[in-house]
């Protein structure tokens, strides 16, 4: 009885350890590692999912306008 139960418990333990729940990466797609045209290695990463909001283009243009005019990365005006 013990000899039949031990492999079953071991297999269940290995299966539970191998199936990870990547909830922080759900909804995105995995981009596999590759080599670009210069021969440089690119690491694999998760690409964020596209938004399904109907106002996505309006929000994107509003954000772009904010950062170009008064955001954190604005260009400083030169005084001549």
Protein backbone atom coordinates (compact mmCIF):
# COMPACT_ATOMS: atom_id res chain seq x y z
CA UNK A 1 0.00 0.00 0.00
CA UNK A 2 2.77 2.46 0.94
CA UNK A 3 4.79 1.68 -2.17
CA UNK A 4 1.81 2.51 -4.43
CA UNK A 5 0.89 5.66 -2.53
CA UNK A 6 4.38 7.18 -2.36
CA UNK A 7 4.86 7.67 -6.15
CA UNK A 8 1.35 9.07 -6.39
CA UNK A 9 2.04 11.67 -3.68
CA UNK A 10 5.41 12.50 -5.22
CA UNK A 11 3.87 12.98 -8.67
CA UNK A 12 1.13 15.21 -7.22
CA UNK A 13 3.72 17.30 -5.40
CA UNK A 14 5.86 17.73 -8.51
CA UNK A 15 2.81 18.67 -10.59
CA UNK A 16 1.66 21.28 -8.10
CA UNK A 17 5.15 22.82 -7.96
CA UNK A 18 5.46 22.95 -11.74
CA UNK A 19 2.16 24.74 -12.39
CA UNK A 20 2.73 28.32 -11.30
CA UNK A 21 -0.04 30.88 -11.21
CA UNK A 22 1.25 33.95 -13.03
CA UNK A 23 -1.66 36.18 -12.13
CA UNK A 24 0.39 39.36 -12.53
CA UNK A 25 1.10 38.45 -16.15
CA UNK A 26 -2.40 37.32 -17.04
CA UNK A 27 -3.88 39.00 -20.06
CA UNK A 28 -0.52 39.70 -21.66
CA UNK A 29 1.54 37.76 -24.15
CA UNK A 30 5.04 36.38 -23.76
CA UNK A 31 7.63 37.63 -26.25
CA UNK A 32 10.29 34.97 -26.64
CA UNK A 33 14.00 35.85 -26.57
CA UNK A 34 15.54 36.55 -29.95
CA UNK A 35 18.53 38.02 -31.76
CA UNK A 36 18.06 41.31 -33.61
CA UNK A 37 19.57 42.34 -36.93
CA UNK A 38 22.77 43.57 -35.25
CA UNK A 39 23.33 40.19 -33.62
CA UNK A 40 22.42 41.41 -30.15
CA UNK A 41 20.46 39.17 -27.80
CA UNK A 42 17.01 40.36 -26.71
CA UNK A 43 15.62 39.01 -23.43
CA UNK A 44 12.18 37.45 -23.29
CA UNK A 45 9.48 39.44 -21.52
CA UNK A 46 5.74 39.78 -21.05
CA UNK A 47 3.99 42.35 -23.22
CA UNK A 48 1.09 44.10 -21.55
CA UNK A 49 -2.39 43.41 -22.84
CA UNK A 50 -4.13 45.99 -25.00
CA UNK A 51 -6.79 48.02 -23.26
CA UNK A 52 -10.40 47.31 -24.16
CA UNK A 53 -11.56 50.73 -23.02
CA UNK A 54 -13.47 52.70 -25.67
CA UNK A 55 -11.64 55.92 -24.73
CA UNK A 56 -8.15 54.49 -25.14
CA UNK A 57 -7.10 56.81 -27.99
CA UNK A 58 -8.45 59.88 -26.23
CA UNK A 59 -6.64 58.99 -23.01
CA UNK A 60 -3.40 58.27 -24.86
CA UNK A 61 -3.44 61.59 -26.70
CA UNK A 62 -4.29 63.44 -23.45
CA UNK A 63 -1.36 61.80 -21.70
CA UNK A 64 0.98 62.58 -24.59
CA UNK A 65 -0.11 66.23 -24.53
CA UNK A 66 0.42 66.43 -20.75
CA UNK A 67 3.95 65.07 -20.85
CA UNK A 68 4.90 67.27 -23.81
CA UNK A 69 3.65 70.49 -22.23
CA UNK A 70 3.87 70.32 -18.43
CA UNK A 71 4.86 66.81 -17.48
CA UNK A 72 7.87 65.42 -15.72
CA UNK A 73 9.96 65.09 -18.89
CA UNK A 74 9.28 68.47 -20.46
CA UNK A 75 12.04 70.39 -22.13
CA UNK A 76 13.33 73.37 -20.24
CA UNK A 77 13.01 76.69 -22.03
CA UNK A 78 16.29 78.37 -22.85
CA UNK A 79 16.70 82.02 -21.89
CA UNK A 80 18.67 83.90 -24.56
